[in-house]
């Protein structure tokens, strides 16, 4: 998969699943580092799934809720880019460290 280009807007919001179909998280962001004139993605930031997490993230941004100490506490985690299988970008798969090629 090295050197393949995938458009960022096609990945954001996609649910990453294991080979067994279990949802791992939703792609919220990507981290990249400069490599000459280009950027190379290093990590994928996965956020929580579900309507409740989305609703809480919206309401936690309101000043009233922030003053009550209800700041956004969503669980996000960054995983290495190489742990994501994008052979089908519409349905990204989590490979994990045990399934790395090489």
PDB file of N, CA and C in Angstrom:
ATOM      1  N   UNK A   1       0.821  -1.190   0.000  1.00  0.00           N
ATOM      2  CA  UNK A   1       0.000   0.000   0.000  1.00  0.00           C
ATOM      3  C   UNK A   1       0.866   1.255   0.000  1.00  0.00           C
ATOM      4  N   UNK A   2       2.168   1.099   0.073  1.00  0.00           N
ATOM      5  CA  UNK A   2       3.057   2.248   0.122  1.00  0.00           C
ATOM      6  C   UNK A   2       2.925   3.091  -1.142  1.00  0.00           C
ATOM      7  N   UNK A   3       2.899   4.423  -0.954  1.00  0.00           N
ATOM      8  CA  UNK A   3       2.855   5.326  -2.078  1.00  0.00           C
ATOM      9  C   UNK A   3       1.483   5.558  -2.675  1.00  0.00           C
ATOM     10  N   UNK A   4       0.460   4.950  -2.156  1.00  0.00           N
ATOM     11  CA  UNK A   4      -0.879   5.114  -2.705  1.00  0.00           C
ATOM     12  C   UNK A   4      -1.486   6.417  -2.197  1.00  0.00           C
ATOM     13  N   UNK A   5      -2.227   7.086  -3.043  1.00  0.00           N
ATOM     14  CA  UNK A   5      -2.874   8.333  -2.659  1.00  0.00           C
ATOM     15  C   UNK A   5      -4.363   8.105  -2.483  1.00  0.00           C
ATOM     16  N   UNK A   6      -4.888   8.640  -1.379  1.00  0.00           N
ATOM     17  CA  UNK A   6      -6.319   8.584  -1.093  1.00  0.00           C
ATOM     18  C   UNK A   6      -6.718   9.981  -0.662  1.00  0.00           C
ATOM     19  N   UNK A   7      -7.819  10.473  -1.166  1.00  0.00           N
ATOM     20  CA  UNK A   7      -8.264  11.825  -0.833  1.00  0.00           C
ATOM     21  C   UNK A   7      -8.792  11.879   0.601  1.00  0.00           C
ATOM     22  N   UNK A   8      -8.338  12.884   1.326  1.00  0.00           N
ATOM     23  CA  UNK A   8      -8.692  13.052   2.729  1.00  0.00           C
ATOM     24  C   UNK A   8     -10.199  13.116   2.938  1.00  0.00           C
ATOM     25  N   UNK A   9     -10.887  13.869   2.115  1.00  0.00           N
ATOM     26  CA  UNK A   9     -12.337  14.025   2.311  1.00  0.00           C
ATOM     27  C   UNK A   9     -13.094  12.717   2.119  1.00  0.00           C
ATOM     28  N   UNK A  10     -12.492  11.752   1.474  1.00  0.00           N
ATOM     29  CA  UNK A  10     -13.139  10.439   1.306  1.00  0.00           C
ATOM     30  C   UNK A  10     -12.986   9.562   2.547  1.00  0.00           C
ATOM     31  N   UNK A  11     -12.047   9.918   3.426  1.00  0.00           N
ATOM     32  CA  UNK A  11     -11.804   9.108   4.621  1.00  0.00           C
ATOM     33  C   UNK A  11     -12.476   9.655   5.875  1.00  0.00           C
ATOM     34  N   UNK A  12     -12.559  10.978   5.984  1.00  0.00           N
ATOM     35  CA  UNK A  12     -13.121  11.571   7.204  1.00  0.00           C
ATOM     36  C   UNK A  12     -14.558  11.108   7.424  1.00  0.00           C
ATOM     37  N   UNK A  13     -14.826  10.662   8.639  1.00  0.00           N
ATOM     38  CA  UNK A  13     -16.157  10.197   8.992  1.00  0.00           C
ATOM     39  C   UNK A  13     -16.384   8.722   8.739  1.00  0.00           C
ATOM     40  N   UNK A  14     -15.473   8.055   8.051  1.00  0.00           N
ATOM     41  CA  UNK A  14     -15.632   6.618   7.784  1.00  0.00           C
ATOM     42  C   UNK A  14     -15.402   5.824   9.060  1.00  0.00           C
ATOM     43  N   UNK A  15     -16.161   4.762   9.217  1.00  0.00           N
ATOM     44  CA  UNK A  15     -16.012   3.880  10.365  1.00  0.00           C
ATOM     45  C   UNK A  15     -14.961   2.829  10.036  1.00  0.00           C
ATOM     46  N   UNK A  16     -13.977   2.699  10.922  1.00  0.00           N
ATOM     47  CA  UNK A  16     -12.937   1.686  10.765  1.00  0.00           C
ATOM     48  C   UNK A  16     -13.411   0.437  11.498  1.00  0.00           C
ATOM     49  N   UNK A  17     -13.344  -0.697  10.809  1.00  0.00           N
ATOM     50  CA  UNK A  17     -13.801  -1.964  11.379  1.00  0.00           C
ATOM     51  C   UNK A  17     -12.686  -3.003  11.355  1.00  0.00           C
ATOM     52  N   UNK A  18     -12.813  -3.984  12.237  1.00  0.00           N
ATOM     53  CA  UNK A  18     -11.887  -5.105  12.227  1.00  0.00           C
ATOM     54  C   UNK A  18     -12.285  -6.060  11.109  1.00  0.00           C
ATOM     55  N   UNK A  19     -11.476  -7.074  10.876  1.00  0.00           N
ATOM     56  CA  UNK A  19     -11.801  -8.076   9.857  1.00  0.00           C
ATOM     57  C   UNK A  19     -13.098  -8.803  10.208  1.00  0.00           C
ATOM     58  N   UNK A  20     -13.408  -8.875  11.497  1.00  0.00           N
ATOM     59  CA  UNK A  20     -14.644  -9.532  11.947  1.00  0.00           C
ATOM     60  C   UNK A  20     -15.861  -8.613  11.854  1.00  0.00           C
ATOM     61  N   UNK A  21     -15.643  -7.344  11.484  1.00  0.00           N
ATOM     62  CA  UNK A  21     -16.753  -6.406  11.321  1.00  0.00           C
ATOM     63  C   UNK A  21     -17.052  -5.549  12.530  1.00  0.00           C
ATOM     64  N   UNK A  22     -16.272  -5.684  13.621  1.00  0.00           N
ATOM     65  CA  UNK A  22     -16.493  -4.886  14.826  1.00  0.00           C
ATOM     66  C   UNK A  22     -15.961  -3.462  14.611  1.00  0.00           C
ATOM     67  N   UNK A  23     -16.758  -2.462  14.927  1.00  0.00           N
ATOM     68  CA  UNK A  23     -16.371  -1.062  14.751  1.00  0.00           C
ATOM     69  C   UNK A  23     -15.309  -0.678  15.777  1.00  0.00           C
ATOM     70  N   UNK A  24     -14.240  -0.053  15.308  1.00  0.00           N
ATOM     71  CA  UNK A  24     -13.149   0.401  16.165  1.00  0.00           C
ATOM     72  C   UNK A  24     -13.308   1.882  16.487  1.00  0.00           C
ATOM     73  N   UNK A  25     -13.726   2.669  15.506  1.00  0.00           N
ATOM     74  CA  UNK A  25     -13.913   4.104  15.692  1.00  0.00           C
ATOM     75  C   UNK A  25     -14.156   4.777  14.357  1.00  0.00           C
ATOM     76  N   UNK A  26     -14.445   6.062  14.437  1.00  0.00           N
ATOM     77  CA  UNK A  26     -14.712   6.860  13.236  1.00  0.00           C
ATOM     78  C   UNK A  26     -13.490   7.737  12.980  1.00  0.00           C
ATOM     79  N   UNK A  27     -13.056   7.843  11.722  1.00  0.00           N
ATOM     80  CA  UNK A  27     -11.894   8.659  11.379  1.00  0.00           C
ATOM     81  C   UNK A  27     -12.266  10.133  11.563  1.00  0.00           C
ATOM     82  N   UNK A  28     -11.641  10.756  12.571  1.00  0.00           N
ATOM     83  CA  UNK A  28     -11.889  12.169  12.873  1.00  0.00           C
ATOM     84  C   UNK A  28     -10.852  13.076  12.234  1.00  0.00           C
ATOM     85  N   UNK A  29      -9.624  12.588  12.149  1.00  0.00           N
ATOM     86  CA  UNK A  29      -8.548  13.436  11.657  1.00  0.00           C
ATOM     87  C   UNK A  29      -7.374  12.559  11.250  1.00  0.00           C
ATOM     88  N   UNK A  30      -6.433  13.164  10.551  1.00  0.00           N
ATOM     89  CA  UNK A  30      -5.200  12.491  10.165  1.00  0.00           C
ATOM     90  C   UNK A  30      -4.043  13.384  10.565  1.00  0.00           C
ATOM     91  N   UNK A  31      -2.953  12.789  11.012  1.00  0.00           N
ATOM     92  CA  UNK A  31      -1.747  13.552  11.335  1.00  0.00           C
ATOM     93  C   UNK A  31      -0.722  13.272  10.249  1.00  0.00           C
ATOM     94  N   UNK A  32      -0.060  14.335   9.803  1.00  0.00           N
ATOM     95  CA  UNK A  32       0.911  14.191   8.722  1.00  0.00           C
ATOM     96  C   UNK A  32       2.173  14.978   9.040  1.00  0.00           C
ATOM     97  N   UNK A  33       3.270  14.547   8.410  1.00  0.00           N
ATOM     98  CA  UNK A  33       4.554  15.221   8.548  1.00  0.00           C
ATOM     99  C   UNK A  33       5.053  15.599   7.159  1.00  0.00           C
ATOM    100  N   UNK A  34       5.773  16.720   7.060  1.00  0.00           N
ATOM    101  CA  UNK A  34       6.303  17.114   5.758  1.00  0.00           C
ATOM    102  C   UNK A  34       7.359  16.127   5.270  1.00  0.00           C
ATOM    103  N   UNK A  35       7.335  15.865   3.977  1.00  0.00           N
ATOM    104  CA  UNK A  35       8.310  14.998   3.322  1.00  0.00           C
ATOM    105  C   UNK A  35       8.636  15.637   1.974  1.00  0.00           C
ATOM    106  N   UNK A  36       9.609  16.542   1.994  1.00  0.00           N
ATOM    107  CA  UNK A  36       9.912  17.304   0.785  1.00  0.00           C
ATOM    108  C   UNK A  36       8.788  18.290   0.515  1.00  0.00           C
ATOM    109  N   UNK A  37       8.232  18.238  -0.680  1.00  0.00           N
ATOM    110  CA  UNK A  37       7.123  19.119  -1.044  1.00  0.00           C
ATOM    111  C   UNK A  37       5.772  18.510  -0.691  1.00  0.00           C
ATOM    112  N   UNK A  38       5.760  17.265  -0.262  1.00  0.00           N
ATOM    113  CA  UNK A  38       4.520  16.564   0.067  1.00  0.00           C
ATOM    114  C   UNK A  38       4.404  16.366   1.571  1.00  0.00           C
ATOM    115  N   UNK A  39       3.293  15.798   1.963  1.00  0.00           N
ATOM    116  CA  UNK A  39       3.081  15.394   3.343  1.00  0.00           C
ATOM    117  C   UNK A  39       2.791  13.902   3.366  1.00  0.00           C
ATOM    118  N   UNK A  40       3.285  13.232   4.406  1.00  0.00           N
ATOM    119  CA  UNK A  40       3.065  11.801   4.566  1.00  0.00           C
ATOM    120  C   UNK A  40       2.250  11.594   5.834  1.00  0.00           C
ATOM    121  N   UNK A  41       1.150  10.877   5.716  1.00  0.00           N
ATOM    122  CA  UNK A  41       0.288  10.611   6.870  1.00  0.00           C
ATOM    123  C   UNK A  41       0.997   9.646   7.805  1.00  0.00           C
ATOM    124  N   UNK A  42       1.033  10.005   9.103  1.00  0.00           N
ATOM    125  CA  UNK A  42       1.684   9.159  10.097  1.00  0.00           C
ATOM    126  C   UNK A  42       0.682   8.466  11.010  1.00  0.00           C
ATOM    127  N   UNK A  43      -0.413   9.150  11.351  1.00  0.00           N
ATOM    128  CA  UNK A  43      -1.389   8.605  12.288  1.00  0.00           C
ATOM    129  C   UNK A  43      -2.811   8.899  11.831  1.00  0.00           C
ATOM    130  N   UNK A  44      -3.699   8.045  12.260  1.00  0.00           N
ATOM    131  CA  UNK A  44      -5.133   8.239  12.045  1.00  0.00           C
ATOM    132  C   UNK A  44      -5.743   8.474  13.418  1.00  0.00           C
ATOM    133  N   UNK A  45      -6.520   9.537  13.560  1.00  0.00           N
ATOM    134  CA  UNK A  45      -7.178   9.843  14.829  1.00  0.00           C
ATOM    135  C   UNK A  45      -8.598   9.307  14.758  1.00  0.00           C
ATOM    136  N   UNK A  46      -8.877   8.355  15.634  1.00  0.00           N
ATOM    137  CA  UNK A  46     -10.209   7.737  15.680  1.00  0.00           C
ATOM    138  C   UNK A  46     -10.993   8.307  16.844  1.00  0.00           C
ATOM    139  N   UNK A  47     -12.244   8.643  16.591  1.00  0.00           N
ATOM    140  CA  UNK A  47     -13.125   9.162  17.624  1.00  0.00           C
ATOM    141  C   UNK A  47     -14.206   8.150  17.968  1.00  0.00           C
ATOM    142  N   UNK A  48     -15.039   8.539  18.894  1.00  0.00           N
ATOM    143  CA  UNK A  48     -16.120   7.672  19.338  1.00  0.00           C
ATOM    144  C   UNK A  48     -17.190   7.530  18.273  1.00  0.00           C
ATOM    145  N   UNK A  49     -17.976   6.499  18.425  1.00  0.00           N
ATOM    146  CA  UNK A  49     -19.083   6.231  17.524  1.00  0.00           C
ATOM    147  C   UNK A  49     -20.398   6.571  18.206  1.00  0.00           C
ATOM    148  N   UNK A  50     -21.394   6.822  17.429  1.00  0.00           N
ATOM    149  CA  UNK A  50     -22.737   6.929  17.964  1.00  0.00           C
ATOM    150  C   UNK A  50     -23.271   8.331  18.127  1.00  0.00           C
ATOM    151  N   UNK A  51     -24.564   8.397  18.178  1.00  0.00           N
ATOM    152  CA  UNK A  51     -25.283   9.658  18.276  1.00  0.00           C
ATOM    153  C   UNK A  51     -25.036  10.340  19.610  1.00  0.00           C
ATOM    154  N   UNK A  52     -24.990   9.585  20.696  1.00  0.00           N
ATOM    155  CA  UNK A  52     -24.815  10.167  22.020  1.00  0.00           C
ATOM    156  C   UNK A  52     -23.468  10.888  22.132  1.00  0.00           C
ATOM    157  N   UNK A  53     -22.406  10.284  21.604  1.00  0.00           N
ATOM    158  CA  UNK A  53     -21.087  10.925  21.637  1.00  0.00           C
ATOM    159  C   UNK A  53     -21.095  12.208  20.811  1.00  0.00           C
ATOM    160  N   UNK A  54     -21.739  12.169  19.665  1.00  0.00           N
ATOM    161  CA  UNK A  54     -21.827  13.344  18.805  1.00  0.00           C
ATOM    162  C   UNK A  54     -22.614  14.461  19.498  1.00  0.00           C
ATOM    163  N   UNK A  55     -23.755  14.123  20.110  1.00  0.00           N
ATOM    164  CA  UNK A  55     -24.585  15.109  20.784  1.00  0.00           C
ATOM    165  C   UNK A  55     -23.844  15.737  21.959  1.00  0.00           C
ATOM    166  N   UNK A  56     -23.144  14.922  22.743  1.00  0.00           N
ATOM    167  CA  UNK A  56     -22.403  15.455  23.873  1.00  0.00           C
ATOM    168  C   UNK A  56     -21.298  16.389  23.399  1.00  0.00           C
ATOM    169  N   UNK A  57     -20.639  16.051  22.298  1.00  0.00           N
ATOM    170  CA  UNK A  57     -19.563  16.913  21.809  1.00  0.00           C
ATOM    171  C   UNK A  57     -20.103  18.272  21.381  1.00  0.00           C
ATOM    172  N   UNK A  58     -21.326  18.307  20.858  1.00  0.00           N
ATOM    173  CA  UNK A  58     -21.926  19.585  20.469  1.00  0.00           C
ATOM    174  C   UNK A  58     -22.329  20.408  21.687  1.00  0.00           C
ATOM    175  N   UNK A  59     -23.012  19.791  22.630  1.00  0.00           N
ATOM    176  CA  UNK A  59     -23.483  20.540  23.800  1.00  0.00           C
ATOM    177  C   UNK A  59     -22.330  20.957  24.700  1.00  0.00           C
ATOM    178  N   UNK A  60     -21.255  20.185  24.739  1.00  0.00           N
ATOM    179  CA  UNK A  60     -20.119  20.535  25.603  1.00  0.00           C
ATOM    180  C   UNK A  60     -19.400  21.788  25.127  1.00  0.00           C
ATOM    181  N   UNK A  61     -19.663  22.226  23.913  1.00  0.00           N
ATOM    182  CA  UNK A  61     -19.033  23.438  23.395  1.00  0.00           C
ATOM    183  C   UNK A  61     -19.774  24.707  23.812  1.00  0.00           C
ATOM    184  N   UNK A  62     -20.976  24.560  24.337  1.00  0.00           N
ATOM    185  CA  UNK A  62     -21.757  25.721  24.752  1.00  0.00           C
ATOM    186  C   UNK A  62     -21.202  26.292  26.051  1.00  0.00           C
ATOM    187  N   UNK A  63     -21.109  27.621  26.171  1.00  0.00           N
ATOM    188  CA  UNK A  63     -20.545  28.236  27.375  1.00  0.00           C
ATOM    189  C   UNK A  63     -21.231  27.811  28.667  1.00  0.00           C
ATOM    190  N   UNK A  64     -22.536  27.636  28.643  1.00  0.00           N
ATOM    191  CA  UNK A  64     -23.258  27.221  29.856  1.00  0.00           C
ATOM    192  C   UNK A  64     -22.755  25.876  30.356  1.00  0.00           C
ATOM    193  N   UNK A  65     -22.594  24.925  29.463  1.00  0.00           N
ATOM    194  CA  UNK A  65     -22.127  23.604  29.862  1.00  0.00           C
ATOM    195  C   UNK A  65     -20.656  23.635  30.277  1.00  0.00           C
ATOM    196  N   UNK A  66     -19.860  24.502  29.629  1.00  0.00           N
ATOM    197  CA  UNK A  66     -18.456  24.617  30.013  1.00  0.00           C
ATOM    198  C   UNK A  66     -18.316  25.198  31.408  1.00  0.00           C
ATOM    199  N   UNK A  67     -19.179  26.166  31.756  1.00  0.00           N
ATOM    200  CA  UNK A  67     -19.111  26.758  33.094  1.00  0.00           C
ATOM    201  C   UNK A  67     -19.521  25.753  34.171  1.00  0.00           C
ATOM    202  N   UNK A  68     -20.311  24.772  33.794  1.00  0.00           N
ATOM    203  CA  UNK A  68     -20.707  23.711  34.732  1.00  0.00           C
ATOM    204  C   UNK A  68     -19.656  22.604  34.817  1.00  0.00           C
ATOM    205  N   UNK A  69     -18.587  22.759  34.062  1.00  0.00           N
ATOM    206  CA  UNK A  69     -17.523  21.754  34.099  1.00  0.00           C
ATOM    207  C   UNK A  69     -17.765  20.574  33.177  1.00  0.00           C
ATOM    208  N   UNK A  70     -18.704  20.724  32.260  1.00  0.00           N
ATOM    209  CA  UNK A  70     -19.016  19.626  31.343  1.00  0.00           C
ATOM    210  C   UNK A  70     -18.294  19.831  30.013  1.00  0.00           C
ATOM    211  N   UNK A  71     -16.991  19.915  30.080  1.00  0.00           N
ATOM    212  CA  UNK A  71     -16.203  20.081  28.859  1.00  0.00           C
ATOM    213  C   UNK A  71     -16.200  18.765  28.086  1.00  0.00           C
ATOM    214  N   UNK A  72     -15.820  18.888  26.838  1.00  0.00           N
ATOM    215  CA  UNK A  72     -15.807  17.703  25.975  1.00  0.00           C
ATOM    216  C   UNK A  72     -14.805  16.678  26.500  1.00  0.00           C
ATOM    217  N   UNK A  73     -15.271  15.481  26.739  1.00  0.00           N
ATOM    218  CA  UNK A  73     -14.431  14.400  27.227  1.00  0.00           C
ATOM    219  C   UNK A  73     -14.500  13.211  26.286  1.00  0.00           C
ATOM    220  N   UNK A  74     -14.536  13.485  25.019  1.00  0.00           N
ATOM    221  CA  UNK A  74     -14.668  12.381  24.082  1.00  0.00           C
ATOM    222  C   UNK A  74     -13.367  11.588  24.023  1.00  0.00           C
ATOM    223  N   UNK A  75     -13.520  10.308  23.847  1.00  0.00           N
ATOM    224  CA  UNK A  75     -12.355   9.430  23.741  1.00  0.00           C
ATOM    225  C   UNK A  75     -11.870   9.444  22.298  1.00  0.00           C
ATOM    226  N   UNK A  76     -10.688   9.926  22.116  1.00  0.00           N
ATOM    227  CA  UNK A  76     -10.061   9.858  20.800  1.00  0.00           C
ATOM    228  C   UNK A  76      -8.724   9.162  20.986  1.00  0.00           C
ATOM    229  N   UNK A  77      -8.292   8.492  19.953  1.00  0.00           N
ATOM    230  CA  UNK A  77      -6.994   7.832  20.015  1.00  0.00           C
ATOM    231  C   UNK A  77      -6.367   7.874  18.638  1.00  0.00           C
ATOM    232  N   UNK A  78      -5.070   7.998  18.646  1.00  0.00           N
ATOM    233  CA  UNK A  78      -4.315   8.009  17.393  1.00  0.00           C
ATOM    234  C   UNK A  78      -3.668   6.635  17.219  1.00  0.00           C
ATOM    235  N   UNK A  79      -3.817   6.094  16.040  1.00  0.00           N
ATOM    236  CA  UNK A  79      -3.178   4.817  15.735  1.00  0.00           C
ATOM    237  C   UNK A  79      -2.293   5.023  14.503  1.00  0.00           C
ATOM    238  N   UNK A  80      -1.226   4.241  14.382  1.00  0.00           N
ATOM    239  CA  UNK A  80      -0.352   4.402  13.221  1.00  0.00           C
ATOM    240  C   UNK A  80      -1.096   4.163  11.910  1.00  0.00           C
ATOM    241  N   UNK A  81      -0.760   4.954  10.925  1.00  0.00           N
ATOM    242  CA  UNK A  81      -1.362   4.869   9.599  1.00  0.00           C
ATOM    243  C   UNK A  81      -1.231   3.465   9.022  1.00  0.00           C
ATOM    244  N   UNK A  82      -0.100   2.826   9.257  1.00  0.00           N
ATOM    245  CA  UNK A  82       0.151   1.503   8.678  1.00  0.00           C
ATOM    246  C   UNK A  82      -0.786   0.429   9.232  1.00  0.00           C
ATOM    247  N   UNK A  83      -1.514   0.726  10.297  1.00  0.00           N
ATOM    248  CA  UNK A  83      -2.456  -0.243  10.864  1.00  0.00           C
ATOM    249  C   UNK A  83      -3.810  -0.213  10.163  1.00  0.00           C
ATOM    250  N   UNK A  84      -3.973   0.692   9.196  1.00  0.00           N
ATOM    251  CA  UNK A  84      -5.243   0.811   8.482  1.00  0.00           C
ATOM    252  C   UNK A  84      -5.089   0.221   7.085  1.00  0.00           C
ATOM    253  N   UNK A  85      -5.997  -0.659   6.721  1.00  0.00           N
ATOM    254  CA  UNK A  85      -6.023  -1.255   5.384  1.00  0.00           C
ATOM    255  C   UNK A  85      -7.008  -0.456   4.538  1.00  0.00           C
ATOM    256  N   UNK A  86      -6.482   0.199   3.504  1.00  0.00           N
ATOM    257  CA  UNK A  86      -7.321   1.019   2.639  1.00  0.00           C
ATOM    258  C   UNK A  86      -7.447   0.419   1.247  1.00  0.00           C
ATOM    259  N   UNK A  87      -7.372  -0.898   1.164  1.00  0.00           N
ATOM    260  CA  UNK A  87      -7.551  -1.523  -0.144  1.00  0.00           C
ATOM    261  C   UNK A  87      -8.945  -1.204  -0.681  1.00  0.00           C
ATOM    262  N   UNK A  88      -9.902  -0.963   0.217  1.00  0.00           N
ATOM    263  CA  UNK A  88     -11.230  -0.466  -0.146  1.00  0.00           C
ATOM    264  C   UNK A  88     -11.468   0.797   0.691  1.00  0.00           C
ATOM    265  N   UNK A  89     -11.131   1.996   0.176  1.00  0.00           N
ATOM    266  CA  UNK A  89     -11.245   3.223   0.975  1.00  0.00           C
ATOM    267  C   UNK A  89     -12.649   3.505   1.501  1.00  0.00           C
ATOM    268  N   UNK A  90     -13.663   2.950   0.861  1.00  0.00           N
ATOM    269  CA  UNK A  90     -15.036   3.141   1.346  1.00  0.00           C
ATOM    270  C   UNK A  90     -15.279   2.381   2.654  1.00  0.00           C
ATOM    271  N   UNK A  91     -14.488   1.332   2.894  1.00  0.00           N
ATOM    272  CA  UNK A  91     -14.642   0.477   4.082  1.00  0.00           C
ATOM    273  C   UNK A  91     -13.267   0.203   4.689  1.00  0.00           C
ATOM    274  N   UNK A  92     -12.683   1.199   5.380  1.00  0.00           N
ATOM    275  CA  UNK A  92     -11.357   0.999   5.963  1.00  0.00           C
ATOM    276  C   UNK A  92     -11.378  -0.104   7.022  1.00  0.00           C
ATOM    277  N   UNK A  93     -10.304  -0.882   7.057  1.00  0.00           N
ATOM    278  CA  UNK A  93     -10.172  -1.999   8.006  1.00  0.00           C
ATOM    279  C   UNK A  93      -8.996  -1.765   8.941  1.00  0.00           C
ATOM    280  N   UNK A  94      -9.159  -2.181  10.184  1.00  0.00           N
ATOM    281  CA  UNK A  94      -8.097  -2.114  11.181  1.00  0.00           C
ATOM    282  C   UNK A  94      -7.273  -3.393  11.081  1.00  0.00           C
ATOM    283  N   UNK A  95      -5.974  -3.241  10.848  1.00  0.00           N
ATOM    284  CA  UNK A  95      -5.087  -4.406  10.765  1.00  0.00           C
ATOM    285  C   UNK A  95      -4.366  -4.649  12.071  1.00  0.00           C
ATOM    286  N   UNK A  96      -3.943  -3.615  12.733  1.00  0.00           N
ATOM    287  CA  UNK A  96      -3.221  -3.741  13.980  1.00  0.00           C
ATOM    288  C   UNK A  96      -1.784  -4.173  13.782  1.00  0.00           C
ATOM    289  N   UNK A  97      -1.010  -4.165  14.869  1.00  0.00           N
ATOM    290  CA  UNK A  97       0.421  -4.461  14.763  1.00  0.00           C
ATOM    291  C   UNK A  97       0.716  -5.906  14.381  1.00  0.00           C
ATOM    292  N   UNK A  98      -0.128  -6.829  14.766  1.00  0.00           N
ATOM    293  CA  UNK A  98       0.136  -8.240  14.487  1.00  0.00           C
ATOM    294  C   UNK A  98      -0.065  -8.599  13.023  1.00  0.00           C
ATOM    295  N   UNK A  99      -0.710  -7.736  12.262  1.00  0.00           N
ATOM    296  CA  UNK A  99      -0.982  -8.036  10.845  1.00  0.00           C
ATOM    297  C   UNK A  99      -0.147  -7.169   9.905  1.00  0.00           C
ATOM    298  N   UNK A 100       0.884  -6.505  10.437  1.00  0.00           N
ATOM    299  CA  UNK A 100       1.713  -5.645   9.597  1.00  0.00           C
ATOM    300  C   UNK A 100       2.509  -6.479   8.613  1.00  0.00           C
ATOM    301  N   UNK A 101       2.651  -5.930   7.424  1.00  0.00           N
ATOM    302  CA  UNK A 101       3.466  -6.590   6.405  1.00  0.00           C
ATOM    303  C   UNK A 101       4.923  -6.241   6.664  1.00  0.00           C
ATOM    304  N   UNK A 102       5.811  -7.131   6.306  1.00  0.00           N
ATOM    305  CA  UNK A 102       7.180  -6.729   6.357  1.00  0.00           C
ATOM    306  C   UNK A 102       8.028  -7.547   7.202  1.00  0.00           C
TER     307      UNK A 102
END
